Amino acid sequence: MTAQLIDGRAVAAAVLDRVLQATLQRTERGLRAPALATVLVGNDPASEVYVRNKRLACDKVGIRSIPVHFDADVTQEKLLTRVDMLNADPLIDGVLVQLPLPRHIDATRVIERIRADKDVDGFHPYNLGRLAQRMPTLRPCTPLGVIELLKSVGEPFKRRHAVVVGASNHVGRPMALELLLTGATTTVCHRFTYDLAEEVSRADIVVVAVGRPGLIHGDWIKAGATVIDVGMNRLADGRLVGDCEFERARERAAFITPVPGGVGTMTVAMLMQNTLQAAETADTPIS
């Protein structure tokens, strides 16, 4: 068996096209285009690339991009004050503060300061709580993108066993909630898991998001499983690889995401979808 590659770029392009068409329909109805404020603190090269990609995506789908940039030594209070201003601006639908933040800034306080209905990253406790209660509003972009990828290959979810490797607040935990929402029986593995190989070998769906190249051995993958590799690791020779041994896993899986070209592009696409959703929610009158 050789797994079929799940083309994240193609699926992301389809999501972006849907957002573009919806944005055009908004403007044709006389409504303003959605607006996203992206807040960057400091000059971390990776963060700069991520923010640039998000702003380019805004341009592609007709979302107005509002860049906000602070020096790395900005005080927490000054940053929070700017978040308050963005929250209060009725012409801004989404507020995104790029992580990680400098060590002197409490990222949790910043995330919680963003108004829940403008939290297009989906990290606010209110939004995560809604997801946990099966009443999702704005949802974390990467897990939501993974669900979109799984749907693209006809994943039935129900009566399937999903294993999430990694329990981070931004990917692993909300990923498990998303899979539960689909009806999949879901297991979360983490650093205290006793026998990771055994857990993974029973999975029909494997989602790995740890940040350790080769953590998941290809031989662990159940024949016919679907493997979603969220990991993105740069090796000493410059190559980008995921958390799973790709070539061996591909020999056993039915579907697998490549790295790069799999999950990464979906995160930005779902951010655009969330921003559109936030704008449309803001348009809805309170009855």
Protein backbone atom coordinates (compact mmCIF):
# COMPACT_ATOMS: atom_id res chain seq x y z
CA MET A 1 0.00 0.00 0.00
CA THR A 2 1.15 3.51 -0.80
CA ALA A 3 -0.85 6.25 0.88
CA GLN A 4 -2.59 8.94 -1.09
CA LEU A 5 -1.18 12.36 -0.26
CA ILE A 6 -3.64 14.85 1.20
CA ASP A 7 -2.90 18.06 -0.67
CA GLY A 8 -3.24 20.77 1.95
CA ARG A 9 -2.47 23.50 -0.55
CA ALA A 10 -5.38 22.47 -2.77
CA VAL A 11 -7.82 22.20 0.14
CA ALA A 12 -6.66 25.55 1.53
CA ALA A 13 -7.11 27.15 -1.91
CA ALA A 14 -10.70 25.91 -1.98
CA VAL A 15 -11.36 27.41 1.47
CA LEU A 16 -9.82 30.73 0.43
CA ASP A 17 -11.95 30.77 -2.71
CA ARG A 18 -15.09 30.26 -0.61
CA VAL A 19 -14.07 33.15 1.63
CA LEU A 20 -13.35 35.36 -1.39
CA GLN A 21 -16.74 34.62 -2.94
CA ALA A 22 -18.51 35.32 0.35
CA THR A 23 -16.58 38.56 0.78
CA LEU A 24 -17.52 39.68 -2.72
CA GLN A 25 -21.16 38.91 -1.99
CA ARG A 26 -20.93 41.03 1.16
CA THR A 27 -19.63 44.04 -0.72
CA GLU A 28 -22.24 43.57 -3.46
CA ARG A 29 -24.89 43.79 -0.73
CA GLY A 30 -23.38 47.04 0.47
CA LEU A 31 -21.67 45.55 3.51
CA ARG A 32 -18.05 46.35 4.27
CA ALA A 33 -15.30 43.78 3.77
CA PRO A 34 -14.15 41.96 6.92
CA ALA A 35 -11.10 43.44 8.65
CA LEU A 36 -8.30 41.66 10.51
CA ALA A 37 -5.76 43.33 12.79
CA THR A 38 -2.48 41.39 13.08
CA VAL A 39 -0.30 42.38 16.02
CA LEU A 40 3.42 41.55 15.84
CA VAL A 41 5.78 42.16 18.77
CA GLY A 42 9.49 42.23 18.02
CA ASN A 43 11.37 40.99 14.97
CA ASP A 44 11.43 37.21 15.29
CA PRO A 45 12.06 35.97 11.71
CA ALA A 46 9.60 33.06 11.92
CA SER A 47 6.86 35.28 13.36
CA GLU A 48 7.47 37.84 10.64
CA VAL A 49 7.00 35.17 7.98
CA TYR A 50 3.78 33.89 9.59
CA VAL A 51 2.32 37.38 9.87
CA ARG A 52 3.32 38.24 6.31
CA ASN A 53 1.58 35.10 5.04
CA LYS A 54 -1.57 36.03 6.94
CA ARG A 55 -1.56 39.52 5.48
CA LEU A 56 -1.02 38.16 1.97
CA ALA A 57 -3.95 35.80 2.48
CA CYS A 58 -6.09 38.78 3.47
CA ASP A 59 -5.22 40.43 0.18
CA LYS A 60 -6.22 37.29 -1.75
CA VAL A 61 -9.68 37.04 -0.25
CA GLY A 62 -10.57 40.73 0.02
CA ILE A 63 -10.18 41.03 3.79
CA ARG A 64 -8.82 44.37 4.97
CA SER A 65 -5.53 43.89 6.82
CA ILE A 66 -4.54 46.23 9.64
CA PRO A 67 -0.89 45.72 10.62
CA VAL A 68 0.21 46.62 14.16
CA HIS A 69 3.88 46.30 15.08
CA PHE A 70 5.58 46.89 18.43
CA ASP A 71 9.26 46.76 19.38
CA ALA A 72 10.28 43.72 21.41
CA ASP A 73 10.63 45.83 24.60
CA VAL A 74 7.04 47.09 24.54
CA THR A 75 5.45 46.99 27.96
CA GLN A 76 2.62 44.61 28.64
CA GLU A 77 0.31 47.45 29.58
CA LYS A 78 0.95 49.26 26.31
CA LEU A 79 0.21 46.09 24.37
CA LEU A 80 -2.98 45.46 26.35
CA THR A 81 -4.09 49.06 25.81
CA ARG A 82 -3.72 48.60 22.05
CA VAL A 83 -5.71 45.36 22.22
CA ASP A 84 -8.45 47.28 24.04
CA MET A 85 -8.49 49.86 21.24
CA LEU A 86 -8.79 47.14 18.59
CA ASN A 87 -11.57 45.49 20.59
CA ALA A 88 -13.49 48.76 20.69
CA ASP A 89 -13.09 49.56 16.97
CA PRO A 90 -16.37 48.60 15.22
CA LEU A 91 -14.58 48.42 11.86
CA ILE A 92 -12.28 45.59 12.99
CA ASP A 93 -13.72 42.08 13.10
CA GLY A 94 -10.70 40.01 14.10
CA VAL A 95 -7.73 40.60 16.40
CA LEU A 96 -4.72 38.30 16.20
CA VAL A 97 -1.64 38.66 18.38
CA GLN A 98 1.19 36.59 16.91
CA LEU A 99 2.72 34.09 19.32
CA PRO A 100 5.19 33.57 20.88
CA LEU A 101 5.50 36.85 22.71
CA PRO A 102 8.64 38.12 24.48
CA ARG A 103 9.19 36.51 27.87
CA HIS A 104 8.30 39.65 29.85
CA ILE A 105 4.74 39.58 28.46
CA ASP A 106 2.12 37.23 29.87
CA ALA A 107 0.64 35.63 26.74
CA THR A 108 -2.35 34.28 28.68
CA ARG A 109 -3.37 37.76 29.78
CA VAL A 110 -3.08 39.03 26.22
CA ILE A 111 -5.16 36.19 24.77
CA GLU A 112 -7.83 36.65 27.42
CA ARG A 113 -7.89 40.41 26.76
CA ILE A 114 -8.95 39.91 23.13
CA ARG A 115 -12.73 40.10 22.90
CA ALA A 116 -14.11 36.60 22.39
CA ASP A 117 -16.12 37.57 19.31
CA LYS A 118 -12.94 38.98 17.71
CA ASP A 119 -10.69 36.10 18.77
CA VAL A 120 -10.15 34.67 15.29
CA ASP A 121 -7.30 32.47 16.55
CA GLY A 122 -9.90 30.67 18.69
CA PHE A 123 -7.71 30.60 21.80
CA HIS A 124 -9.89 32.59 24.21
CA PRO A 125 -11.21 30.46 27.11
CA TYR A 126 -14.77 31.36 26.13
CA ASN A 127 -14.33 30.01 22.61
CA LEU A 128 -12.56 26.87 23.79
CA GLY A 129 -15.31 26.37 26.37
CA ARG A 130 -17.97 26.64 23.69
CA LEU A 131 -16.13 24.01 21.66
CA ALA A 132 -15.96 21.73 24.70
CA GLN A 133 -19.71 22.14 25.21
CA ARG A 134 -20.43 21.26 21.56
CA MET A 135 -21.56 24.80 20.77
CA PRO A 136 -18.57 26.04 18.70
CA THR A 137 -18.18 29.66 17.71
CA LEU A 138 -14.71 30.80 16.65
CA ARG A 139 -12.49 27.71 16.67
CA PRO A 140 -8.70 27.21 16.80
CA CYS A 141 -7.47 27.38 13.22
CA THR A 142 -5.09 24.42 13.01
CA PRO A 143 -7.46 21.80 14.48
CA LEU A 144 -10.30 23.17 12.35
CA GLY A 145 -8.03 22.91 9.31
CA VAL A 146 -7.27 19.29 10.15
CA ILE A 147 -10.98 18.50 10.19
CA GLU A 148 -11.29 20.16 6.77
CA LEU A 149 -8.46 17.98 5.45
CA LEU A 150 -10.09 14.83 6.82
CA LYS A 151 -13.42 15.75 5.27
CA SER A 152 -11.68 16.29 1.92
CA VAL A 153 -10.81 12.58 1.73
CA GLY A 154 -14.23 11.40 2.87
CA GLU A 155 -13.34 10.53 6.45
CA PRO A 156 -16.53 9.11 8.07
CA PHE A 157 -15.38 9.86 11.69
CA LYS A 158 -18.14 7.90 13.43
CA ARG A 159 -17.11 4.43 14.64
CA ARG A 160 -13.49 5.42 14.00
CA HIS A 161 -10.75 5.57 16.62
CA ALA A 162 -8.72 8.79 16.51
CA VAL A 163 -5.46 9.25 18.42
CA VAL A 164 -4.07 12.73 19.00
CA VAL A 165 -0.39 12.80 19.95
CA GLY A 166 0.33 16.05 21.79
CA ALA A 167 -1.76 17.90 24.36
CA SER A 168 -0.89 21.56 23.79
CA ASN A 169 -3.51 24.21 24.44
CA HIS A 170 -3.34 25.47 20.87
CA VAL A 171 -3.42 22.21 18.90
CA GLY A 172 -3.65 18.92 20.80
CA ARG A 173 -6.44 19.65 23.25
CA PRO A 174 -8.75 21.52 20.85
CA MET A 175 -7.96 18.87 18.23
CA ALA A 176 -9.37 16.23 20.54
CA LEU A 177 -12.50 18.35 21.07
CA GLU A 178 -12.95 18.75 17.32
CA LEU A 179 -12.67 15.00 16.77
CA LEU A 180 -15.15 14.30 19.57
CA LEU A 181 -17.51 16.73 17.88
CA THR A 182 -17.38 14.63 14.70
CA GLY A 183 -18.32 11.46 16.58
CA ALA A 184 -14.89 9.83 16.52
CA THR A 185 -13.76 7.88 19.59
CA THR A 186 -10.78 9.95 20.67
CA THR A 187 -7.63 9.27 22.70
CA VAL A 188 -5.07 11.93 23.63
CA CYS A 189 -1.44 10.89 24.14
CA HIS A 190 1.20 13.01 25.84
CA ARG A 191 4.55 12.74 27.57
CA PHE A 192 3.11 10.60 30.37
CA THR A 193 1.51 8.06 28.03
CA TYR A 194 2.79 4.62 29.00
CA ASP A 195 2.94 2.90 25.59
CA LEU A 196 2.73 5.38 22.72
CA ALA A 197 3.39 2.74 20.08
CA GLU A 198 0.44 0.66 21.28
CA GLU A 199 -1.92 3.64 21.31
CA VAL A 200 -0.93 4.77 17.82
CA SER A 201 -1.11 1.26 16.37
CA ARG A 202 -4.84 1.03 17.22
CA ALA A 203 -5.74 4.32 15.53
CA ASP A 204 -7.78 4.74 12.37
CA ILE A 205 -6.88 8.44 12.44
CA VAL A 206 -3.54 9.69 13.79
CA VAL A 207 -2.99 13.40 14.38
CA VAL A 208 0.49 14.21 15.67
CA ALA A 209 1.45 17.70 16.86
CA VAL A 210 4.50 17.60 19.11
CA GLY A 211 7.45 19.16 17.27
CA ARG A 212 9.84 16.19 17.45
CA PRO A 213 11.02 14.77 14.13
CA GLY A 214 10.54 11.03 13.79
CA LEU A 215 8.62 10.70 17.05
CA ILE A 216 6.02 8.47 15.41
CA HIS A 217 7.62 5.42 13.83
CA GLY A 218 6.15 4.45 10.49
CA ASP A 219 5.81 0.83 11.62
CA TRP A 220 3.37 1.94 14.33
CA ILE A 221 0.79 3.07 11.77
CA LYS A 222 -2.18 0.76 11.36
CA ALA A 223 -2.70 -0.48 7.80
CA GLY A 224 -5.22 1.78 6.09
CA ALA A 225 -5.09 4.55 8.69
CA THR A 226 -5.13 8.28 7.95
CA VAL A 227 -2.13 10.24 9.21
CA ILE A 228 -2.22 14.01 9.76
CA ASP A 229 1.21 15.37 10.65
CA VAL A 230 1.02 18.85 12.16
CA GLY A 231 4.73 18.88 13.09
CA MET A 232 7.10 21.21 11.28
CA ASN A 233 10.78 20.64 12.10
CA ARG A 234 13.86 21.96 10.31
CA LEU A 235 16.77 19.53 10.30
CA ALA A 236 20.46 20.44 10.34
CA ASP A 237 20.61 19.96 6.56
CA GLY A 238 17.80 22.47 6.07
CA ARG A 239 15.04 19.99 5.26
CA LEU A 240 11.58 20.41 6.74
CA VAL A 241 10.06 17.26 8.18
CA GLY A 242 7.12 16.35 10.35
CA ASP A 243 6.81 14.35 13.55
CA CYS A 244 6.13 11.08 11.74
CA GLU A 245 8.55 8.88 9.75
CA PHE A 246 6.97 9.79 6.45
CA GLU A 247 8.27 7.20 3.98
CA ARG A 248 7.57 4.15 6.14
CA ALA A 249 4.23 5.52 7.30
CA ARG A 250 3.24 6.14 3.70
CA GLU A 251 3.73 2.44 2.98
CA ARG A 252 1.07 1.55 5.58
CA ALA A 253 -1.42 4.44 5.63
CA ALA A 254 -4.30 5.04 3.23
CA PHE A 255 -3.96 8.83 3.43
CA ILE A 256 -1.16 11.02 4.76
CA THR A 257 -0.25 14.69 4.80
CA PRO A 258 3.18 15.72 3.49
CA VAL A 259 5.45 18.17 5.30
CA PRO A 260 5.51 20.80 3.97
CA GLY A 261 2.34 21.03 1.88
CA GLY A 262 -0.10 19.53 4.36
CA VAL A 263 -1.49 21.21 7.45
CA GLY A 264 0.49 24.47 7.45
CA THR A 265 -1.43 26.16 4.64
CA MET A 266 -4.74 25.20 6.25
CA THR A 267 -4.07 27.24 9.38
CA VAL A 268 -4.03 30.50 7.45
CA ALA A 269 -7.04 29.50 5.36
CA MET A 270 -9.13 28.79 8.46
CA LEU A 271 -8.01 32.10 9.95
CA MET A 272 -9.54 33.82 6.93
CA GLN A 273 -12.73 31.78 7.38
CA ASN A 274 -12.88 32.74 11.06
CA THR A 275 -12.45 36.42 10.20
CA LEU A 276 -15.33 36.22 7.73
CA GLN A 277 -17.43 34.44 10.36
CA ALA A 278 -16.64 37.14 12.93
CA ALA A 279 -17.73 39.84 10.47
CA GLU A 280 -20.97 38.03 9.67
CA THR A 281 -21.69 37.52 13.37
CA ALA A 282 -21.14 41.24 13.97
CA ASP A 283 -23.72 41.96 11.24
CA THR A 284 -26.37 39.84 12.96
CA PRO A 285 -28.77 41.97 14.97
CA ILE A 286 -29.44 40.92 18.56
CA SER A 287 -33.09 39.86 18.85
